[in-house]
PDB file of N, CA and C in Angstrom:
ATOM      1  N   MET A   1       0.920  -1.220  -0.047  1.00  0.00           N
ATOM      2  CA  MET A   1      -0.364  -0.199  -0.212  1.00  0.00           C
ATOM      3  C   MET A   1       0.865   1.125   0.034  1.00  0.00           C
ATOM      4  N   ALA A   2       0.875   2.170  -1.192  1.00  0.00           N
ATOM      5  CA  ALA A   2       1.422   3.411  -1.185  1.00  0.00           C
ATOM      6  C   ALA A   2       1.670   4.622   0.300  1.00  0.00           C
ATOM      7  N   ILE A   3      -0.043   4.342   0.605  1.00  0.00           N
ATOM      8  CA  ILE A   3       0.444   5.378   1.828  1.00  0.00           C
ATOM      9  C   ILE A   3       0.808   4.819   2.769  1.00  0.00           C
ATOM     10  N   GLU A   4       0.700   3.459   3.312  1.00  0.00           N
ATOM     11  CA  GLU A   4       1.483   2.650   4.273  1.00  0.00           C
ATOM     12  C   GLU A   4       3.147   3.075   4.145  1.00  0.00           C
ATOM     13  N   ASN A   5       3.700   2.706   2.991  1.00  0.00           N
ATOM     14  CA  ASN A   5       5.346   3.318   2.482  1.00  0.00           C
ATOM     15  C   ASN A   5       5.573   4.971   3.049  1.00  0.00           C
ATOM     16  N   VAL A   6       4.615   5.770   2.832  1.00  0.00           N
ATOM     17  CA  VAL A   6       5.047   6.863   2.794  1.00  0.00           C
ATOM     18  C   VAL A   6       5.204   7.180   4.646  1.00  0.00           C
ATOM     19  N   LYS A   7       4.073   6.639   5.134  1.00  0.00           N
ATOM     20  CA  LYS A   7       4.444   6.553   6.776  1.00  0.00           C
ATOM     21  C   LYS A   7       5.763   5.956   6.762  1.00  0.00           C
ATOM     22  N   ARG A   8       5.934   4.615   6.310  1.00  0.00           N
ATOM     23  CA  ARG A   8       7.175   3.782   7.458  1.00  0.00           C
ATOM     24  C   ARG A   8       8.248   5.014   6.932  1.00  0.00           C
ATOM     25  N   ARG A   9       8.020   5.674   5.500  1.00  0.00           N
ATOM     26  CA  ARG A   9       9.327   6.496   5.736  1.00  0.00           C
ATOM     27  C   ARG A   9       9.546   7.191   6.930  1.00  0.00           C
ATOM     28  N   PHE A  10       8.622   8.527   6.693  1.00  0.00           N
ATOM     29  CA  PHE A  10       8.306   9.316   7.398  1.00  0.00           C
ATOM     30  C   PHE A  10       8.750   9.208   8.717  1.00  0.00           C
ATOM     31  N   THR A  11       8.104   8.416   9.527  1.00  0.00           N
ATOM     32  CA  THR A  11       8.601   7.762  10.790  1.00  0.00           C
ATOM     33  C   THR A  11      10.097   7.187  11.207  1.00  0.00           C
ATOM     34  N   LYS A  12      10.525   6.810  10.031  1.00  0.00           N
ATOM     35  CA  LYS A  12      11.787   6.507  10.036  1.00  0.00           C
ATOM     36  C   LYS A  12      12.932   7.635  10.068  1.00  0.00           C
ATOM     37  N   HIS A  13      12.369   8.420   9.490  1.00  0.00           N
ATOM     38  CA  HIS A  13      13.137   9.966   9.977  1.00  0.00           C
ATOM     39  C   HIS A  13      13.385  10.806  11.078  1.00  0.00           C
ATOM     40  N   ILE A  14      11.913  10.491  11.983  1.00  0.00           N
ATOM     41  CA  ILE A  14      12.302  11.266  13.031  1.00  0.00           C
ATOM     42  C   ILE A  14      13.360  10.744  14.288  1.00  0.00           C
ATOM     43  N   PRO A  15      14.036  11.699  14.556  1.00  0.00           N
ATOM     44  CA  PRO A  15      15.092  11.585  15.173  1.00  0.00           C
ATOM     45  C   PRO A  15      15.056  10.281  16.075  1.00  0.00           C
ATOM     46  N   GLY A  16      15.931   9.894  16.269  1.00  0.00           N
ATOM     47  CA  GLY A  16      15.989   8.571  17.535  1.00  0.00           C
ATOM     48  C   GLY A  16      15.231   7.167  16.985  1.00  0.00           C
ATOM     49  N   PHE A  17      14.541   7.262  15.926  1.00  0.00           N
ATOM     50  CA  PHE A  17      13.568   5.948  15.118  1.00  0.00           C
ATOM     51  C   PHE A  17      14.146   5.465  14.328  1.00  0.00           C
ATOM     52  N   SER A  18      15.325   5.665  13.783  1.00  0.00           N
ATOM     53  CA  SER A  18      15.963   5.306  12.610  1.00  0.00           C
ATOM     54  C   SER A  18      16.370   3.484  12.629  1.00  0.00           C
ATOM     55  N   GLU A  19      16.608   3.576  13.637  1.00  0.00           N
ATOM     56  CA  GLU A  19      17.267   2.119  13.889  1.00  0.00           C
ATOM     57  C   GLU A  19      15.907   1.326  14.455  1.00  0.00           C
ATOM     58  N   CYS A  20      14.748   1.369  14.489  1.00  0.00           N
ATOM     59  CA  CYS A  20      13.989   0.812  15.300  1.00  0.00           C
ATOM     60  C   CYS A  20      12.728   0.044  13.541  1.00  0.00           C
ATOM     61  N   SER A  21      12.685  -1.001  14.157  1.00  0.00           N
ATOM     62  CA  SER A  21      11.986  -1.381  13.146  1.00  0.00           C
ATOM     63  C   SER A  21      10.315  -1.104  13.196  1.00  0.00           C
ATOM     64  N   TYR A  22       9.630  -1.315  11.693  1.00  0.00           N
ATOM     65  CA  TYR A  22       8.613  -0.413  11.517  1.00  0.00           C
ATOM     66  C   TYR A  22       7.330  -0.418  12.691  1.00  0.00           C
ATOM     67  N   SER A  23       7.482  -1.774  12.957  1.00  0.00           N
ATOM     68  CA  SER A  23       6.354  -2.042  14.059  1.00  0.00           C
ATOM     69  C   SER A  23       6.738  -1.964  15.726  1.00  0.00           C
ATOM     70  N   GLU A  24       7.907  -1.373  15.785  1.00  0.00           N
ATOM     71  CA  GLU A  24       8.183  -0.987  16.674  1.00  0.00           C
ATOM     72  C   GLU A  24       7.821   0.868  16.901  1.00  0.00           C
ATOM     73  N   ARG A  25       8.795   1.215  16.004  1.00  0.00           N
ATOM     74  CA  ARG A  25       8.062   2.735  15.387  1.00  0.00           C
ATOM     75  C   ARG A  25       6.423   2.711  15.892  1.00  0.00           C
ATOM     76  N   LEU A  26       6.064   1.944  15.269  1.00  0.00           N
ATOM     77  CA  LEU A  26       4.446   2.763  15.124  1.00  0.00           C
ATOM     78  C   LEU A  26       3.882   2.377  16.790  1.00  0.00           C
ATOM     79  N   SER A  27       4.523   1.018  17.613  1.00  0.00           N
ATOM     80  CA  SER A  27       4.153   1.090  18.646  1.00  0.00           C
ATOM     81  C   SER A  27       4.176   2.199  19.630  1.00  0.00           C
ATOM     82  N   LEU A  28       5.888   2.458  19.611  1.00  0.00           N
ATOM     83  CA  LEU A  28       6.412   3.238  20.388  1.00  0.00           C
ATOM     84  C   LEU A  28       5.631   5.104  20.092  1.00  0.00           C
ATOM     85  N   LEU A  29       5.204   5.209  18.799  1.00  0.00           N
ATOM     86  CA  LEU A  29       4.197   6.509  18.386  1.00  0.00           C
ATOM     87  C   LEU A  29       2.876   6.415  18.723  1.00  0.00           C
ATOM     88  N   LYS A  30       2.582   4.923  18.938  1.00  0.00           N
ATOM     89  CA  LYS A  30       1.084   4.807  19.414  1.00  0.00           C
ATOM     90  C   LYS A  30       0.214   5.149  18.293  1.00  0.00           C
ATOM     91  N   LEU A  31       0.933   4.603  17.056  1.00  0.00           N
ATOM     92  CA  LEU A  31      -0.066   4.634  15.749  1.00  0.00           C
ATOM     93  C   LEU A  31      -0.271   3.520  15.451  1.00  0.00           C
ATOM     94  N   PRO A  32      -1.537   3.646  14.937  1.00  0.00           N
ATOM     95  CA  PRO A  32      -1.929   2.319  13.971  1.00  0.00           C
ATOM     96  C   PRO A  32      -1.759   1.581  12.562  1.00  0.00           C
ATOM     97  N   SER A  33      -1.658   0.473  12.230  1.00  0.00           N
ATOM     98  CA  SER A  33      -1.101   0.433  11.123  1.00  0.00           C
ATOM     99  C   SER A  33      -2.555   0.912  10.065  1.00  0.00           C
ATOM    100  N   LEU A  34      -2.449   1.293   8.829  1.00  0.00           N
ATOM    101  CA  LEU A  34      -2.797   1.775   7.912  1.00  0.00           C
ATOM    102  C   LEU A  34      -3.988   0.190   7.200  1.00  0.00           C
ATOM    103  N   GLU A  35      -3.008  -1.057   7.411  1.00  0.00           N
ATOM    104  CA  GLU A  35      -3.704  -1.789   6.728  1.00  0.00           C
ATOM    105  C   GLU A  35      -4.815  -2.394   7.528  1.00  0.00           C
ATOM    106  N   LEU A  36      -4.750  -2.207   9.014  1.00  0.00           N
ATOM    107  CA  LEU A  36      -5.765  -2.640  10.112  1.00  0.00           C
ATOM    108  C   LEU A  36      -6.865  -1.647   9.601  1.00  0.00           C
ATOM    109  N   HIS A  37      -6.662  -0.468   9.315  1.00  0.00           N
ATOM    110  CA  HIS A  37      -8.007   0.384   9.162  1.00  0.00           C
ATOM    111  C   HIS A  37      -8.545   0.066   7.827  1.00  0.00           C
ATOM    112  N   VAL A  38      -7.745  -0.140   7.034  1.00  0.00           N
ATOM    113  CA  VAL A  38      -8.342  -0.967   5.572  1.00  0.00           C
ATOM    114  C   VAL A  38      -9.264  -2.114   5.793  1.00  0.00           C
ATOM    115  N   ARG A  39      -8.728  -2.783   6.635  1.00  0.00           N
ATOM    116  CA  ARG A  39      -8.912  -4.132   6.890  1.00  0.00           C
ATOM    117  C   ARG A  39     -10.730  -3.838   7.828  1.00  0.00           C
ATOM    118  N   ARG A  40     -10.620  -3.228   8.971  1.00  0.00           N
ATOM    119  CA  ARG A  40     -11.728  -2.954   9.340  1.00  0.00           C
ATOM    120  C   ARG A  40     -13.207  -2.209   8.959  1.00  0.00           C
ATOM    121  N   LEU A  41     -12.467  -1.342   7.772  1.00  0.00           N
ATOM    122  CA  LEU A  41     -13.462  -0.811   7.029  1.00  0.00           C
ATOM    123  C   LEU A  41     -14.136  -1.353   5.820  1.00  0.00           C
ATOM    124  N   ARG A  42     -13.791  -2.734   5.252  1.00  0.00           N
ATOM    125  CA  ARG A  42     -13.693  -3.707   4.541  1.00  0.00           C
ATOM    126  C   ARG A  42     -15.442  -4.471   5.451  1.00  0.00           C
ATOM    127  N   PHE A  43     -14.761  -4.780   6.585  1.00  0.00           N
ATOM    128  CA  PHE A  43     -15.640  -5.737   7.464  1.00  0.00           C
ATOM    129  C   PHE A  43     -16.843  -5.112   7.662  1.00  0.00           C
ATOM    130  N   ASP A  44     -16.694  -3.712   8.597  1.00  0.00           N
ATOM    131  CA  ASP A  44     -17.691  -2.894   8.298  1.00  0.00           C
ATOM    132  C   ASP A  44     -18.801  -2.488   7.202  1.00  0.00           C
ATOM    133  N   LEU A  45     -18.273  -2.426   6.104  1.00  0.00           N
ATOM    134  CA  LEU A  45     -19.248  -2.339   4.750  1.00  0.00           C
ATOM    135  C   LEU A  45     -19.535  -4.196   4.767  1.00  0.00           C
ATOM    136  N   PHE A  46     -18.947  -5.056   4.687  1.00  0.00           N
ATOM    137  CA  PHE A  46     -19.521  -6.144   4.374  1.00  0.00           C
ATOM    138  C   PHE A  46     -20.978  -6.378   5.696  1.00  0.00           C
ATOM    139  N   TYR A  47     -20.775  -6.251   7.263  1.00  0.00           N
ATOM    140  CA  TYR A  47     -21.718  -6.447   8.172  1.00  0.00           C
ATOM    141  C   TYR A  47     -22.590  -5.381   7.563  1.00  0.00           C
ATOM    142  N   CYS A  48     -22.153  -4.150   7.330  1.00  0.00           N
ATOM    143  CA  CYS A  48     -23.726  -3.230   7.122  1.00  0.00           C
ATOM    144  C   CYS A  48     -24.498  -3.934   6.187  1.00  0.00           C
ATOM    145  N   TYR A  49     -24.267  -4.514   5.006  1.00  0.00           N
ATOM    146  CA  TYR A  49     -24.665  -5.124   3.845  1.00  0.00           C
ATOM    147  C   TYR A  49     -25.452  -6.228   4.403  1.00  0.00           C
ATOM    148  N   ARG A  50     -25.041  -6.808   4.983  1.00  0.00           N
ATOM    149  CA  ARG A  50     -25.752  -7.991   5.766  1.00  0.00           C
ATOM    150  C   ARG A  50     -26.615  -7.715   6.822  1.00  0.00           C
ATOM    151  N   ILE A  51     -26.810  -6.735   7.424  1.00  0.00           N
ATOM    152  CA  ILE A  51     -27.317  -5.985   8.251  1.00  0.00           C
ATOM    153  C   ILE A  51     -29.279  -5.537   7.681  1.00  0.00           C
ATOM    154  N   ILE A  52     -28.640  -4.891   6.377  1.00  0.00           N
ATOM    155  CA  ILE A  52     -29.626  -4.192   5.770  1.00  0.00           C
ATOM    156  C   ILE A  52     -30.675  -4.907   4.776  1.00  0.00           C
ATOM    157  N   PHE A  53     -29.685  -6.135   4.474  1.00  0.00           N
ATOM    158  CA  PHE A  53     -30.351  -7.207   3.572  1.00  0.00           C
ATOM    159  C   PHE A  53     -31.119  -8.349   4.263  1.00  0.00           C
ATOM    160  N   GLY A  54     -31.101  -8.339   5.773  1.00  0.00           N
ATOM    161  CA  GLY A  54     -31.998  -9.222   6.684  1.00  0.00           C
ATOM    162  C   GLY A  54     -31.025 -10.631   6.450  1.00  0.00           C
ATOM    163  N   LEU A  55     -29.340 -10.735   6.159  1.00  0.00           N
ATOM    164  CA  LEU A  55     -28.593 -11.846   5.838  1.00  0.00           C
ATOM    165  C   LEU A  55     -28.135 -12.080   7.607  1.00  0.00           C
ATOM    166  N   VAL A  56     -28.387 -11.467   8.565  1.00  0.00           N
ATOM    167  CA  VAL A  56     -27.827 -11.556   9.706  1.00  0.00           C
ATOM    168  C   VAL A  56     -29.272 -11.559  10.865  1.00  0.00           C
ATOM    169  N   ASP A  57     -29.141 -11.896  12.066  1.00  0.00           N
ATOM    170  CA  ASP A  57     -30.397 -12.075  12.836  1.00  0.00           C
ATOM    171  C   ASP A  57     -30.237 -10.523  13.325  1.00  0.00           C
ATOM    172  N   ILE A  58     -30.506  -9.470  13.273  1.00  0.00           N
ATOM    173  CA  ILE A  58     -30.442  -8.434  13.680  1.00  0.00           C
ATOM    174  C   ILE A  58     -31.346  -7.829  12.992  1.00  0.00           C
ATOM    175  N   ASN A  59     -32.506  -6.877  13.410  1.00  0.00           N
ATOM    176  CA  ASN A  59     -33.432  -6.168  12.918  1.00  0.00           C
ATOM    177  C   ASN A  59     -32.913  -4.765  12.372  1.00  0.00           C
ATOM    178  N   CYS A  60     -32.901  -4.254  11.182  1.00  0.00           N
ATOM    179  CA  CYS A  60     -31.833  -3.266  10.421  1.00  0.00           C
ATOM    180  C   CYS A  60     -32.799  -1.909  11.166  1.00  0.00           C
ATOM    181  N   ASP A  61     -33.789  -2.104  11.776  1.00  0.00           N
ATOM    182  CA  ASP A  61     -34.376  -0.720  12.310  1.00  0.00           C
ATOM    183  C   ASP A  61     -33.974  -0.880  13.257  1.00  0.00           C
ATOM    184  N   ASN A  62     -33.437  -1.548  14.177  1.00  0.00           N
ATOM    185  CA  ASN A  62     -32.957  -1.312  15.350  1.00  0.00           C
ATOM    186  C   ASN A  62     -31.139  -1.017  15.210  1.00  0.00           C
ATOM    187  N   VAL A  63     -31.006  -0.789  14.079  1.00  0.00           N
ATOM    188  CA  VAL A  63     -29.245  -0.121  14.036  1.00  0.00           C
ATOM    189  C   VAL A  63     -29.385   1.068  13.246  1.00  0.00           C
ATOM    190  N   PHE A  64     -30.056   0.942  11.830  1.00  0.00           N
ATOM    191  CA  PHE A  64     -30.167   1.924  10.740  1.00  0.00           C
ATOM    192  C   PHE A  64     -31.435   2.465  10.823  1.00  0.00           C
ATOM    193  N   GLU A  65     -31.341   3.692  10.123  1.00  0.00           N
ATOM    194  CA  GLU A  65     -32.696   4.175   9.920  1.00  0.00           C
ATOM    195  C   GLU A  65     -32.472   4.295   8.223  1.00  0.00           C
ATOM    196  N   ILE A  66     -32.982   4.120   7.635  1.00  0.00           N
ATOM    197  CA  ILE A  66     -33.042   3.796   6.110  1.00  0.00           C
ATOM    198  C   ILE A  66     -33.956   5.049   5.692  1.00  0.00           C
ATOM    199  N   ARG A  67     -32.908   5.847   4.962  1.00  0.00           N
ATOM    200  CA  ARG A  67     -34.078   7.306   4.606  1.00  0.00           C
ATOM    201  C   ARG A  67     -34.655   7.175   3.396  1.00  0.00           C
ATOM    202  N   SER A  68     -35.756   7.494   2.911  1.00  0.00           N
ATOM    203  CA  SER A  68     -36.732   7.410   1.768  1.00  0.00           C
ATOM    204  C   SER A  68     -35.992   7.872   0.946  1.00  0.00           C
ATOM    205  N   CYS A  69     -35.391   7.560  -0.165  1.00  0.00           N
ATOM    206  CA  CYS A  69     -34.544   8.254  -1.237  1.00  0.00           C
ATOM    207  C   CYS A  69     -35.355   8.633  -2.338  1.00  0.00           C
ATOM    208  N   THR A  70     -35.654   9.896  -2.718  1.00  0.00           N
ATOM    209  CA  THR A  70     -36.318  10.510  -4.057  1.00  0.00           C
ATOM    210  C   THR A  70     -35.182  10.928  -5.057  1.00  0.00           C
ATOM    211  N   VAL A  71     -33.762  10.967  -4.895  1.00  0.00           N
ATOM    212  CA  VAL A  71     -32.658  11.095  -5.558  1.00  0.00           C
ATOM    213  C   VAL A  71     -32.572  10.156  -6.539  1.00  0.00           C
ATOM    214  N   THR A  72     -32.264  10.235  -7.764  1.00  0.00           N
ATOM    215  CA  THR A  72     -32.220   9.313  -8.588  1.00  0.00           C
ATOM    216  C   THR A  72     -30.696   8.329  -8.671  1.00  0.00           C
ATOM    217  N   THR A  73     -29.669   9.009  -8.279  1.00  0.00           N
ATOM    218  CA  THR A  73     -28.147   9.056  -8.402  1.00  0.00           C
ATOM    219  C   THR A  73     -28.370   8.125  -7.047  1.00  0.00           C
ATOM    220  N   GLY A  74     -27.082   7.151  -7.152  1.00  0.00           N
ATOM    221  CA  GLY A  74     -26.901   5.933  -6.074  1.00  0.00           C
ATOM    222  C   GLY A  74     -27.594   5.020  -6.121  1.00  0.00           C
ATOM    223  N   HIS A  75     -27.865   4.431  -4.914  1.00  0.00           N
ATOM    224  CA  HIS A  75     -28.470   3.577  -4.403  1.00  0.00           C
ATOM    225  C   HIS A  75     -29.403   3.665  -3.401  1.00  0.00           C
ATOM    226  N   PRO A  76     -30.788   2.985  -3.858  1.00  0.00           N
ATOM    227  CA  PRO A  76     -32.276   3.413  -2.893  1.00  0.00           C
ATOM    228  C   PRO A  76     -31.721   3.229  -1.124  1.00  0.00           C
ATOM    229  N   TYR A  77     -30.842   2.263  -0.528  1.00  0.00           N
ATOM    230  CA  TYR A  77     -30.510   1.753   0.406  1.00  0.00           C
ATOM    231  C   TYR A  77     -29.499   3.069   1.333  1.00  0.00           C
ATOM    232  N   LYS A  78     -29.810   4.537   1.534  1.00  0.00           N
ATOM    233  CA  LYS A  78     -29.145   5.210   2.094  1.00  0.00           C
ATOM    234  C   LYS A  78     -29.634   5.122   3.442  1.00  0.00           C
ATOM    235  N   ILE A  79     -28.146   5.457   4.612  1.00  0.00           N
ATOM    236  CA  ILE A  79     -28.362   5.446   6.060  1.00  0.00           C
ATOM    237  C   ILE A  79     -28.681   7.174   6.532  1.00  0.00           C
ATOM    238  N   PHE A  80     -29.758   7.365   7.384  1.00  0.00           N
ATOM    239  CA  PHE A  80     -29.991   8.366   7.989  1.00  0.00           C
ATOM    240  C   PHE A  80     -28.691   8.534   8.848  1.00  0.00           C
ATOM    241  N   LYS A  81     -28.277   9.854   8.734  1.00  0.00           N
ATOM    242  CA  LYS A  81     -26.903  10.231   9.709  1.00  0.00           C
ATOM    243  C   LYS A  81     -27.375  11.257  10.707  1.00  0.00           C
ATOM    244  N   HIS A  82     -27.428  10.330  11.852  1.00  0.00           N
ATOM    245  CA  HIS A  82     -27.669  11.201  13.272  1.00  0.00           C
ATOM    246  C   HIS A  82     -26.721  12.494  13.788  1.00  0.00           C
ATOM    247  N   HIS A  83     -26.874  13.066  14.139  1.00  0.00           N
ATOM    248  CA  HIS A  83     -26.192  14.178  14.738  1.00  0.00           C
ATOM    249  C   HIS A  83     -25.176  13.945  16.160  1.00  0.00           C
ATOM    250  N   CYS A  84     -23.722  13.348  16.073  1.00  0.00           N
ATOM    251  CA  CYS A  84     -23.299  13.360  17.107  1.00  0.00           C
ATOM    252  C   CYS A  84     -22.774  14.345  17.903  1.00  0.00           C
ATOM    253  N   THR A  85     -23.100  14.415  19.323  1.00  0.00           N
ATOM    254  CA  THR A  85     -22.480  15.301  20.035  1.00  0.00           C
ATOM    255  C   THR A  85     -20.987  14.957  20.884  1.00  0.00           C
ATOM    256  N   SER A  86     -20.862  13.499  20.954  1.00  0.00           N
ATOM    257  CA  SER A  86     -19.437  12.872  21.400  1.00  0.00           C
ATOM    258  C   SER A  86     -19.005  12.436  20.722  1.00  0.00           C
ATOM    259  N   SER A  87     -17.647  12.167  20.945  1.00  0.00           N
ATOM    260  CA  SER A  87     -16.548  11.208  19.779  1.00  0.00           C
ATOM    261  C   SER A  87     -17.264  10.041  20.180  1.00  0.00           C
ATOM    262  N   THR A  88     -17.282   9.475  21.208  1.00  0.00           N
ATOM    263  CA  THR A  88     -17.473   8.206  21.493  1.00  0.00           C
ATOM    264  C   THR A  88     -18.624   7.703  20.626  1.00  0.00           C
ATOM    265  N   ARG A  89     -19.909   8.586  20.766  1.00  0.00           N
ATOM    266  CA  ARG A  89     -21.127   8.182  19.844  1.00  0.00           C
ATOM    267  C   ARG A  89     -20.561   7.701  18.627  1.00  0.00           C
ATOM    268  N   SER A  90     -19.732   8.890  17.807  1.00  0.00           N
ATOM    269  CA  SER A  90     -19.220   8.785  16.351  1.00  0.00           C
ATOM    270  C   SER A  90     -18.568   7.619  16.058  1.00  0.00           C
ATOM    271  N   SER A  91     -17.824   6.820  16.921  1.00  0.00           N
ATOM    272  CA  SER A  91     -17.081   5.952  16.982  1.00  0.00           C
ATOM    273  C   SER A  91     -17.798   4.669  16.928  1.00  0.00           C
ATOM    274  N   PHE A  92     -19.172   4.449  17.138  1.00  0.00           N
ATOM    275  CA  PHE A  92     -20.092   3.180  17.102  1.00  0.00           C
ATOM    276  C   PHE A  92     -20.033   3.015  15.453  1.00  0.00           C
ATOM    277  N   PHE A  93     -19.914   1.510  15.519  1.00  0.00           N
ATOM    278  CA  PHE A  93     -20.748   0.831  14.249  1.00  0.00           C
ATOM    279  C   PHE A  93     -21.409   1.843  13.527  1.00  0.00           C
ATOM    280  N   SER A  94     -22.623   1.717  13.863  1.00  0.00           N
ATOM    281  CA  SER A  94     -24.242   2.305  13.386  1.00  0.00           C
ATOM    282  C   SER A  94     -23.482   3.532  12.667  1.00  0.00           C
ATOM    283  N   GLU A  95     -23.002   4.582  13.955  1.00  0.00           N
ATOM    284  CA  GLU A  95     -22.606   5.590  13.158  1.00  0.00           C
ATOM    285  C   GLU A  95     -21.119   5.808  12.290  1.00  0.00           C
ATOM    286  N   ARG A  96     -20.495   5.055  12.520  1.00  0.00           N
ATOM    287  CA  ARG A  96     -19.171   4.798  11.858  1.00  0.00           C
ATOM    288  C   ARG A  96     -19.451   4.576  10.187  1.00  0.00           C
ATOM    289  N   VAL A  97     -20.073   3.863   9.795  1.00  0.00           N
ATOM    290  CA  VAL A  97     -20.297   3.328   8.624  1.00  0.00           C
ATOM    291  C   VAL A  97     -21.002   3.836   7.490  1.00  0.00           C
ATOM    292  N   VAL A  98     -21.915   5.196   8.286  1.00  0.00           N
ATOM    293  CA  VAL A  98     -22.593   5.955   7.293  1.00  0.00           C
ATOM    294  C   VAL A  98     -22.617   6.386   6.168  1.00  0.00           C
ATOM    295  N   ASP A  99     -21.458   7.203   6.250  1.00  0.00           N
ATOM    296  CA  ASP A  99     -20.688   8.074   5.324  1.00  0.00           C
ATOM    297  C   ASP A  99     -20.138   7.206   4.292  1.00  0.00           C
ATOM    298  N   ILE A 100     -19.515   6.210   4.610  1.00  0.00           N
ATOM    299  CA  ILE A 100     -18.483   5.032   3.879  1.00  0.00           C
ATOM    300  C   ILE A 100     -20.036   4.659   3.058  1.00  0.00           C
ATOM    301  N   TRP A 101     -20.759   3.829   3.468  1.00  0.00           N
ATOM    302  CA  TRP A 101     -21.891   3.498   2.721  1.00  0.00           C
ATOM    303  C   TRP A 101     -22.756   4.266   2.198  1.00  0.00           C
ATOM    304  N   ASN A 102     -23.007   5.452   2.359  1.00  0.00           N
ATOM    305  CA  ASN A 102     -24.021   6.085   1.550  1.00  0.00           C
ATOM    306  C   ASN A 102     -23.201   6.833   0.165  1.00  0.00           C
TER     307      ASN A 102
END
C-alpha cells in the first residue's frame, strides 16, 4: 500500500527512531497500521450489507434508519446520519459506517 510506505519512511526520519523496526516505531509513536484500518473498513461495509439485507439475525430498524430516497443517483439504501455530540458515539459501528455506505 503506497500510503503505508509514506508512513514507513516518515517515521524512520524522526530522530531516534531510524534504528527501530517499523512495528516498533508504530507502537512507540502509538500509531495504528493503515492495513488494520482498511481491514476494519471492509468488515464494516460487509456487515452493514448483511444487516440491511437481512442476512444476519439483527433487525435493521434497531441499528439503522434507512431514509426514503427520491434522488435518482446512488442506491436506494441510504442510511440517515444522526448528529453526534460526543466522539464516543461517533465511533460506534452504526454511526461510523454511514458516510462510507452512503
